């Protein structure tokens, strides 16, 4: 999520947070020099093990421009669940989604691929699933009402069509944000199929830190954002569901056509996390979503005091450290548990159960009743003998 809001009932994007970079040749000393995030997460060290080959990342977004030089050959055929709005060649088409795809799997271009954007997992494939429109699309209002279930449908479609990771750089962090049962069920469906699900934590850090969905659904790996100083970005939402943090400020990305943009928000942070998971899945495809989540949190950098906090989650992702630790894990069961939560709740955190809704523990009651029955039987036998 980069800073504005739109979603089948309100999914947020980032058009306002994307600025076109100057029209200069995309040589390594121009674009690559701005990719501070790759160094921050130790991507180069991770590439000694894998660059994401064999993994498909579903990008649920505004669409992806498969013809961008840095994504050529990396993008699979798109699934459009909107069906209207801007198209290729329009300024209000696929800008946000293309940027996120490049953060995940950009591979540069030119001789030796030294020019353009390099993603976290440059050998991974991108599966575009169009579930929202750009903020400046004239049909945006129509999409809100007519395609309110597109996100839930997109999650299920991606889970059934080869996605190894589902990346959602979007969300609703408005004051009216609330859980949608269809979205929650779709996420649990994907997790149950062994597919990690990533979402932006929200851009409400300066606007009240409202809960953002889908980030707050159980089992989702929610990404908060840090700047180049590795400090929490002011816009990044603080909340109990924060899992890990990733670069999210002044991020160089591909735009539609052959353009480049600079963006900020928890949108690129979620893309960084999705790329890191693509690296892990490439080297260790049998790990479950819950294991990958624990691996990311256990190997994170700059871990807050106490192990986590609402600003950073468990800290800044480190895919190189995660890949080093992964061999110690045992393969996951064939049917992983949908969500890695003991309780399902939304909002500021767990609340005390209503006594009327709390299940009664039958063991002590049964034991007590049995004991009374034995005492009564003993009394009857004693009286009979007497």
Protein backbone atom coordinates (compact mmCIF):
# COMPACT_ATOMS: atom_id res chain seq x y z
CA UNK A 1 0.00 0.00 0.00
CA UNK A 2 1.54 3.28 -0.82
CA UNK A 3 -0.65 6.03 0.22
CA UNK A 4 -4.20 6.45 -1.06
CA UNK A 5 -7.30 4.33 -0.66
CA UNK A 6 -9.45 2.16 -2.99
CA UNK A 7 -10.73 -1.41 -2.65
CA UNK A 8 -13.70 -3.47 -3.75
CA UNK A 9 -15.24 -1.75 -0.86
CA UNK A 10 -12.04 0.26 -0.45
CA UNK A 11 -8.65 -1.15 -1.36
CA UNK A 12 -5.70 1.16 -0.96
CA UNK A 13 -2.99 1.83 -3.47
CA UNK A 14 -0.23 4.26 -4.02
CA UNK A 15 -0.56 6.44 -7.05
CA UNK A 16 0.04 9.55 -4.98
CA UNK A 17 3.18 7.98 -3.61
CA UNK A 18 4.77 7.25 -7.00
CA UNK A 19 6.83 9.97 -8.63
CA UNK A 20 8.23 9.62 -12.14
CA UNK A 21 12.02 9.63 -12.14
CA UNK A 22 13.88 12.05 -14.45
CA UNK A 23 14.06 11.06 -18.12
CA UNK A 24 17.65 9.83 -18.11
CA UNK A 25 19.13 6.58 -19.39
CA UNK A 26 18.43 3.79 -16.92
CA UNK A 27 22.07 2.90 -16.47
CA UNK A 28 23.29 1.08 -13.40
CA UNK A 29 24.73 4.25 -11.85
CA UNK A 30 21.30 5.93 -12.11
CA UNK A 31 18.74 3.29 -11.08
CA UNK A 32 20.82 0.69 -9.23
CA UNK A 33 22.40 3.38 -7.05
CA UNK A 34 18.93 4.12 -5.68
CA UNK A 35 18.18 0.51 -4.72
CA UNK A 36 19.36 0.84 -1.15
CA UNK A 37 16.81 -1.76 -0.04
CA UNK A 38 18.65 -4.69 -1.63
CA UNK A 39 21.74 -3.97 0.44
CA UNK A 40 19.69 -3.41 3.60
CA UNK A 41 18.14 -6.90 3.43
CA UNK A 42 21.38 -8.61 2.31
CA UNK A 43 19.90 -9.70 -1.00
CA UNK A 44 23.28 -10.19 -2.66
CA UNK A 45 24.29 -12.71 0.01
CA UNK A 46 20.99 -14.54 -0.44
CA UNK A 47 21.61 -14.80 -4.20
CA UNK A 48 24.58 -17.05 -3.51
CA UNK A 49 21.96 -19.67 -2.65
CA UNK A 50 19.08 -18.79 -5.00
CA UNK A 51 17.56 -16.01 -7.06
CA UNK A 52 14.04 -17.39 -6.89
CA UNK A 53 14.06 -19.79 -9.83
CA UNK A 54 11.02 -22.06 -10.03
CA UNK A 55 8.78 -19.83 -7.88
CA UNK A 56 5.67 -17.93 -9.01
CA UNK A 57 4.56 -14.84 -7.09
CA UNK A 58 0.96 -13.76 -7.62
CA UNK A 59 0.76 -9.96 -7.59
CA UNK A 60 -2.81 -8.93 -6.72
CA UNK A 61 -2.87 -5.33 -7.83
CA UNK A 62 -3.76 -3.00 -10.72
CA UNK A 63 -2.16 -5.19 -13.36
CA UNK A 64 1.43 -5.54 -14.55
CA UNK A 65 3.04 -4.23 -17.74
CA UNK A 66 4.71 -7.37 -19.08
CA UNK A 67 6.50 -5.35 -21.75
CA UNK A 68 8.61 -3.27 -19.40
CA UNK A 69 12.29 -3.98 -20.24
CA UNK A 70 13.04 -5.06 -16.66
CA UNK A 71 10.15 -7.55 -16.57
CA UNK A 72 10.28 -8.95 -20.10
CA UNK A 73 9.97 -12.75 -19.98
CA UNK A 74 9.12 -12.77 -16.26
CA UNK A 75 5.39 -12.11 -16.40
CA UNK A 76 2.78 -14.82 -16.94
CA UNK A 77 -0.60 -14.13 -18.62
CA UNK A 78 -2.75 -11.82 -16.53
CA UNK A 79 -6.07 -12.65 -14.89
CA UNK A 80 -8.30 -9.56 -14.98
CA UNK A 81 -11.06 -9.73 -12.37
CA UNK A 82 -12.16 -6.13 -12.97
CA UNK A 83 -12.88 -6.25 -16.69
CA UNK A 84 -13.04 -2.50 -17.32
CA UNK A 85 -11.06 0.66 -16.68
CA UNK A 86 -7.82 1.91 -18.23
CA UNK A 87 -5.81 -0.33 -20.52
CA UNK A 88 -2.29 -0.57 -21.95
CA UNK A 89 -1.05 2.79 -23.12
CA UNK A 90 -3.21 4.76 -20.68
CA UNK A 91 -1.60 6.70 -17.87
CA UNK A 92 -4.03 5.21 -15.35
CA UNK A 93 -3.08 1.59 -16.06
CA UNK A 94 -0.85 -0.87 -14.20
CA UNK A 95 1.53 1.70 -12.77
CA UNK A 96 1.31 0.50 -9.18
CA UNK A 97 1.24 -3.20 -10.02
CA UNK A 98 4.20 -2.90 -12.37
CA UNK A 99 6.20 -1.18 -9.65
CA UNK A 100 5.47 -3.93 -7.13
CA UNK A 101 6.31 -6.66 -9.65
CA UNK A 102 9.67 -5.01 -10.34
CA UNK A 103 10.53 -4.88 -6.63
CA UNK A 104 9.80 -8.60 -6.42
CA UNK A 105 11.28 -9.93 -9.67
CA UNK A 106 12.80 -7.16 -11.78
CA UNK A 107 15.88 -8.43 -13.58
CA UNK A 108 17.18 -5.31 -15.28
CA UNK A 109 18.06 -5.13 -18.95
CA UNK A 110 20.86 -4.31 -21.34
CA UNK A 111 24.26 -5.94 -21.63
CA UNK A 112 24.79 -8.16 -18.61
CA UNK A 113 21.49 -6.79 -17.28
CA UNK A 114 23.39 -4.01 -15.61
CA UNK A 115 20.72 -1.39 -16.26
CA UNK A 116 17.29 -0.84 -14.73
CA UNK A 117 15.61 -2.26 -11.63
CA UNK A 118 16.79 -5.47 -10.00
CA UNK A 119 14.24 -7.19 -7.79
CA UNK A 120 14.69 -9.28 -4.64
CA UNK A 121 14.04 -12.54 -6.54
CA UNK A 122 15.07 -11.76 -10.13
CA UNK A 123 14.50 -15.30 -11.39
CA UNK A 124 10.97 -15.67 -9.98
CA UNK A 125 7.91 -15.44 -12.22
CA UNK A 126 5.10 -12.92 -11.74
CA UNK A 127 1.44 -13.96 -11.99
CA UNK A 128 -0.59 -10.72 -12.34
CA UNK A 129 -4.11 -10.74 -10.94
CA UNK A 130 -5.95 -7.45 -11.51
CA UNK A 131 -8.23 -6.87 -8.53
CA UNK A 132 -8.20 -3.05 -8.20
CA UNK A 133 -7.85 0.05 -10.38
CA UNK A 134 -5.32 2.85 -10.16
CA UNK A 135 -6.43 5.77 -8.03
CA UNK A 136 -6.66 8.06 -11.06
CA UNK A 137 -8.68 5.61 -13.16
CA UNK A 138 -12.01 7.24 -14.17
CA UNK A 139 -13.76 3.90 -13.49
CA UNK A 140 -12.51 3.63 -9.93
CA UNK A 141 -15.90 4.42 -8.36
CA UNK A 142 -17.61 1.80 -10.50
CA UNK A 143 -15.09 -0.81 -9.41
CA UNK A 144 -15.88 -0.15 -5.76
CA UNK A 145 -19.48 -1.12 -6.17
CA UNK A 146 -19.43 -3.70 -8.96
CA UNK A 147 -16.22 -5.57 -8.06
CA UNK A 148 -16.33 -5.57 -4.28
CA UNK A 149 -15.44 -9.27 -4.15
CA UNK A 150 -12.55 -9.10 -6.62
CA UNK A 151 -9.85 -9.39 -3.95
CA UNK A 152 -11.34 -12.55 -2.42
CA UNK A 153 -11.86 -14.05 -5.87
CA UNK A 154 -8.30 -13.12 -6.84
CA UNK A 155 -6.80 -14.86 -3.83
CA UNK A 156 -8.65 -18.07 -4.61
CA UNK A 157 -7.85 -17.87 -8.31
CA UNK A 158 -4.13 -17.38 -7.59
CA UNK A 159 -4.13 -20.27 -5.12
CA UNK A 160 -5.65 -22.53 -7.78
CA UNK A 161 -3.41 -21.41 -10.66
CA UNK A 162 0.14 -22.00 -9.58
CA UNK A 163 0.96 -19.25 -7.09
CA UNK A 164 3.72 -20.12 -4.61
CA UNK A 165 3.41 -16.75 -2.85
CA UNK A 166 0.50 -14.28 -2.83
CA UNK A 167 1.55 -10.63 -2.61
CA UNK A 168 -0.98 -7.89 -1.82
CA UNK A 169 0.42 -4.36 -1.75
CA UNK A 170 -2.99 -2.97 -0.89
CA UNK A 171 -5.52 -2.71 1.89
CA UNK A 172 -8.25 -0.76 3.58
CA UNK A 173 -7.05 1.29 6.55
CA UNK A 174 -9.90 3.80 6.53
CA UNK A 175 -11.92 4.53 9.66
CA UNK A 176 -14.60 2.19 8.36
CA UNK A 177 -12.23 -0.71 7.68
CA UNK A 178 -13.63 -4.04 8.77
CA UNK A 179 -13.06 -7.74 8.07
CA UNK A 180 -14.83 -9.23 5.07
CA UNK A 181 -15.73 -12.91 5.60
CA UNK A 182 -15.10 -13.73 1.92
CA UNK A 183 -11.59 -12.31 2.04
CA UNK A 184 -10.79 -14.06 5.30
CA UNK A 185 -12.07 -17.38 3.94
CA UNK A 186 -10.06 -16.95 0.74
CA UNK A 187 -6.87 -16.30 2.69
CA UNK A 188 -7.45 -19.36 4.86
CA UNK A 189 -8.01 -21.34 1.66
CA UNK A 190 -4.64 -20.23 0.28
CA UNK A 191 -2.84 -20.90 3.57
CA UNK A 192 -4.46 -24.32 3.72
CA UNK A 193 -2.92 -25.07 0.32
CA UNK A 194 0.51 -24.16 1.68
CA UNK A 195 0.77 -20.70 0.07
CA UNK A 196 2.20 -17.81 2.15
CA UNK A 197 0.14 -14.61 1.96
CA UNK A 198 1.73 -11.14 2.33
CA UNK A 199 0.02 -7.75 2.69
CA UNK A 200 0.86 -4.13 3.44
CA UNK A 201 0.46 -3.16 7.10
CA UNK A 202 -1.05 0.21 6.16
CA UNK A 203 -0.03 3.83 5.63
CA UNK A 204 -1.91 5.26 8.61
CA UNK A 205 1.05 6.08 10.82
CA UNK A 206 0.23 9.76 10.72
CA UNK A 207 -3.54 9.30 10.48
CA UNK A 208 -4.52 7.32 13.54
CA UNK A 209 -2.98 3.88 12.88
CA UNK A 210 -6.29 2.31 11.85
CA UNK A 211 -6.37 -1.45 11.41
CA UNK A 212 -5.79 -2.43 7.79
CA UNK A 213 -7.30 -5.38 5.96
CA UNK A 214 -6.17 -7.79 4.52
CA UNK A 215 -3.06 -7.31 6.69
CA UNK A 216 -4.98 -8.05 9.90
CA UNK A 217 -6.48 -11.38 8.81
CA UNK A 218 -5.08 -14.41 10.68
CA UNK A 219 -2.05 -15.97 9.03
CA UNK A 220 -1.14 -12.99 6.83
CA UNK A 221 2.47 -11.80 6.92
CA UNK A 222 2.02 -8.04 7.38
CA UNK A 223 4.86 -5.75 6.28
CA UNK A 224 5.66 -2.41 7.90
CA UNK A 225 8.09 0.05 6.28
CA UNK A 226 11.51 1.41 7.20
CA UNK A 227 13.54 4.16 5.52
CA UNK A 228 17.17 4.10 4.36
CA UNK A 229 18.30 4.70 7.96
CA UNK A 230 16.49 1.47 8.88
CA UNK A 231 14.13 3.46 11.07
CA UNK A 232 10.36 3.21 11.01
CA UNK A 233 8.89 5.35 8.23
CA UNK A 234 6.52 7.98 9.63
CA UNK A 235 3.62 6.83 7.44
CA UNK A 236 3.91 3.15 8.43
CA UNK A 237 0.99 1.89 10.51
CA UNK A 238 1.76 0.62 14.01
CA UNK A 239 -0.39 -2.31 15.04
CA UNK A 240 -0.49 -5.69 16.78
CA UNK A 241 -0.53 -7.61 13.48
CA UNK A 242 2.84 -6.25 12.27
CA UNK A 243 5.00 -9.27 11.37
CA UNK A 244 8.24 -7.89 9.92
CA UNK A 245 9.51 -4.67 8.37
CA UNK A 246 11.11 -4.02 4.97
CA UNK A 247 12.36 -1.09 2.89
CA UNK A 248 9.49 1.24 1.96
CA UNK A 249 10.80 4.75 1.39
CA UNK A 250 12.38 6.24 -1.76
CA UNK A 251 12.16 2.94 -3.60
CA UNK A 252 13.13 2.89 -7.30
CA UNK A 253 10.62 0.85 -9.34
CA UNK A 254 9.56 0.17 -12.90
CA UNK A 255 6.55 2.07 -14.20
CA UNK A 256 4.28 1.25 -17.10
CA UNK A 257 5.75 1.59 -20.58
CA UNK A 258 9.49 1.96 -20.12
CA UNK A 259 9.34 4.52 -17.31
CA UNK A 260 10.73 4.40 -13.79
CA UNK A 261 9.16 5.77 -10.64
CA UNK A 262 10.22 6.43 -7.07
CA UNK A 263 7.72 5.38 -4.45
CA UNK A 264 7.11 5.08 -0.75
CA UNK A 265 4.68 3.18 1.41
CA UNK A 266 4.06 -0.23 2.90
CA UNK A 267 3.27 -1.32 -0.67
CA UNK A 268 6.93 -1.72 -1.66
CA UNK A 269 7.65 -3.09 1.82
CA UNK A 270 5.18 -5.92 1.16
CA UNK A 271 6.79 -6.51 -2.23
CA UNK A 272 10.22 -6.82 -0.58
CA UNK A 273 8.83 -9.38 1.86
CA UNK A 274 7.18 -11.32 -0.98
CA UNK A 275 10.48 -11.39 -2.85
CA UNK A 276 12.27 -12.67 0.25
CA UNK A 277 9.70 -15.46 0.62
CA UNK A 278 10.17 -16.34 -3.06
CA UNK A 279 13.87 -16.92 -2.34
CA UNK A 280 13.03 -19.15 0.63
CA UNK A 281 10.44 -21.14 -1.33
CA UNK A 282 12.86 -21.62 -4.20
CA UNK A 283 15.43 -23.27 -1.94
CA UNK A 284 12.98 -24.93 0.48
CA UNK A 285 9.64 -25.56 -1.26
CA UNK A 286 8.32 -27.89 1.45
CA UNK A 287 8.17 -25.30 4.21
CA UNK A 288 4.67 -24.30 5.32
CA UNK A 289 3.42 -20.70 5.54
CA UNK A 290 3.68 -20.87 9.33
CA UNK A 291 7.27 -22.13 9.13
CA UNK A 292 8.21 -19.38 6.67
CA UNK A 293 6.62 -16.79 8.93
CA UNK A 294 8.59 -18.06 11.93
CA UNK A 295 11.77 -18.21 9.83
CA UNK A 296 11.40 -14.57 8.81
CA UNK A 297 10.73 -13.40 12.36
CA UNK A 298 13.46 -15.54 13.94
CA UNK A 299 16.17 -14.28 11.56
CA UNK A 300 15.10 -10.63 11.31
CA UNK A 301 17.60 -7.82 11.84
CA UNK A 302 17.26 -4.99 14.35
CA UNK A 303 14.88 -6.99 16.51
CA UNK A 304 13.04 -4.72 18.96
CA UNK A 305 13.43 -5.19 22.69
CA UNK A 306 11.18 -8.02 23.78
CA UNK A 307 11.27 -9.74 20.40
CA UNK A 308 8.74 -7.57 18.52
CA UNK A 309 6.76 -4.37 18.61
CA UNK A 310 3.99 -2.72 16.64
CA UNK A 311 6.40 -0.51 14.68
CA UNK A 312 8.68 -3.17 13.19
CA UNK A 313 7.10 -6.50 13.98
CA UNK A 314 10.08 -8.80 14.63
CA UNK A 315 12.45 -6.50 12.73
CA UNK A 316 13.92 -5.97 9.26
CA UNK A 317 13.80 -9.02 6.98
CA UNK A 318 17.07 -10.81 6.19
CA UNK A 319 16.52 -13.48 3.52
CA UNK A 320 20.20 -14.44 3.60
CA UNK A 321 19.96 -15.32 7.29
CA UNK A 322 16.63 -17.07 6.71
CA UNK A 323 18.13 -19.24 3.96
CA UNK A 324 21.01 -20.14 6.25
CA UNK A 325 18.66 -21.18 9.06
CA UNK A 326 16.10 -22.98 6.89
CA UNK A 327 17.88 -26.36 6.53
CA UNK A 328 17.39 -26.99 10.25
CA UNK A 329 13.62 -27.09 9.80
CA UNK A 330 11.77 -30.31 9.10
CA UNK A 331 9.45 -30.42 6.07
CA UNK A 332 5.91 -29.34 6.85
CA UNK A 333 2.95 -31.73 6.90
CA UNK A 334 1.24 -32.19 3.55
CA UNK A 335 -1.83 -30.32 4.79
CA UNK A 336 -0.68 -27.24 6.73
CA UNK A 337 -2.94 -25.51 9.20
CA UNK A 338 -4.69 -22.53 7.58
CA UNK A 339 -3.73 -19.86 10.12
CA UNK A 340 -0.98 -19.70 12.72
CA UNK A 341 -3.11 -18.09 15.44
CA UNK A 342 -4.55 -19.58 18.59
CA UNK A 343 -7.48 -17.18 18.45
CA UNK A 344 -9.15 -15.33 15.60
CA UNK A 345 -9.66 -11.68 16.38
CA UNK A 346 -9.50 -8.25 14.78
CA UNK A 347 -8.89 -4.74 16.12
CA UNK A 348 -6.48 -3.83 18.93
CA UNK A 349 -5.98 -7.38 20.15
CA UNK A 350 -7.52 -10.32 21.94
CA UNK A 351 -10.42 -9.63 24.28
CA UNK A 352 -11.72 -11.63 27.20
CA UNK A 353 -14.25 -14.22 26.10
CA UNK A 354 -17.86 -13.70 27.16
CA UNK A 355 -18.52 -16.29 29.89
CA UNK A 356 -21.70 -17.29 28.05
CA UNK A 357 -19.64 -18.14 24.97
CA UNK A 358 -16.83 -19.92 26.80
CA UNK A 359 -16.94 -23.70 26.36
CA UNK A 360 -17.16 -25.64 29.63
CA UNK A 361 -14.29 -27.98 30.38
CA UNK A 362 -16.08 -31.34 30.75
CA UNK A 363 -13.22 -33.24 32.40
CA UNK A 364 -13.46 -31.85 35.98
CA UNK A 365 -17.26 -31.91 35.89
CA UNK A 366 -17.32 -35.49 34.68
CA UNK A 367 -14.79 -36.54 37.30
CA UNK A 368 -16.81 -34.83 40.02
CA UNK A 369 -20.05 -36.47 38.95
CA UNK A 370 -18.36 -39.85 38.81
CA UNK A 371 -16.97 -39.36 42.29
CA UNK A 372 -20.42 -38.53 43.69
CA UNK A 373 -21.87 -41.61 42.01
CA UNK A 374 -19.22 -43.82 43.60
CA UNK A 375 -19.88 -42.33 47.03
CA UNK A 376 -23.63 -42.89 46.63
CA UNK A 377 -23.06 -46.49 45.54
CA UNK A 378 -20.84 -47.12 48.56
CA UNK A 379 -23.50 -45.78 50.88
CA UNK A 380 -26.16 -48.01 49.32
CA UNK A 381 -23.92 -51.09 49.63
CA UNK A 382 -23.08 -50.27 53.28
CA UNK A 383 -26.76 -49.87 54.19
CA UNK A 384 -27.67 -53.12 52.41
CA UNK A 385 -25.02 -55.03 54.32
CA UNK A 386 -26.06 -53.42 57.58
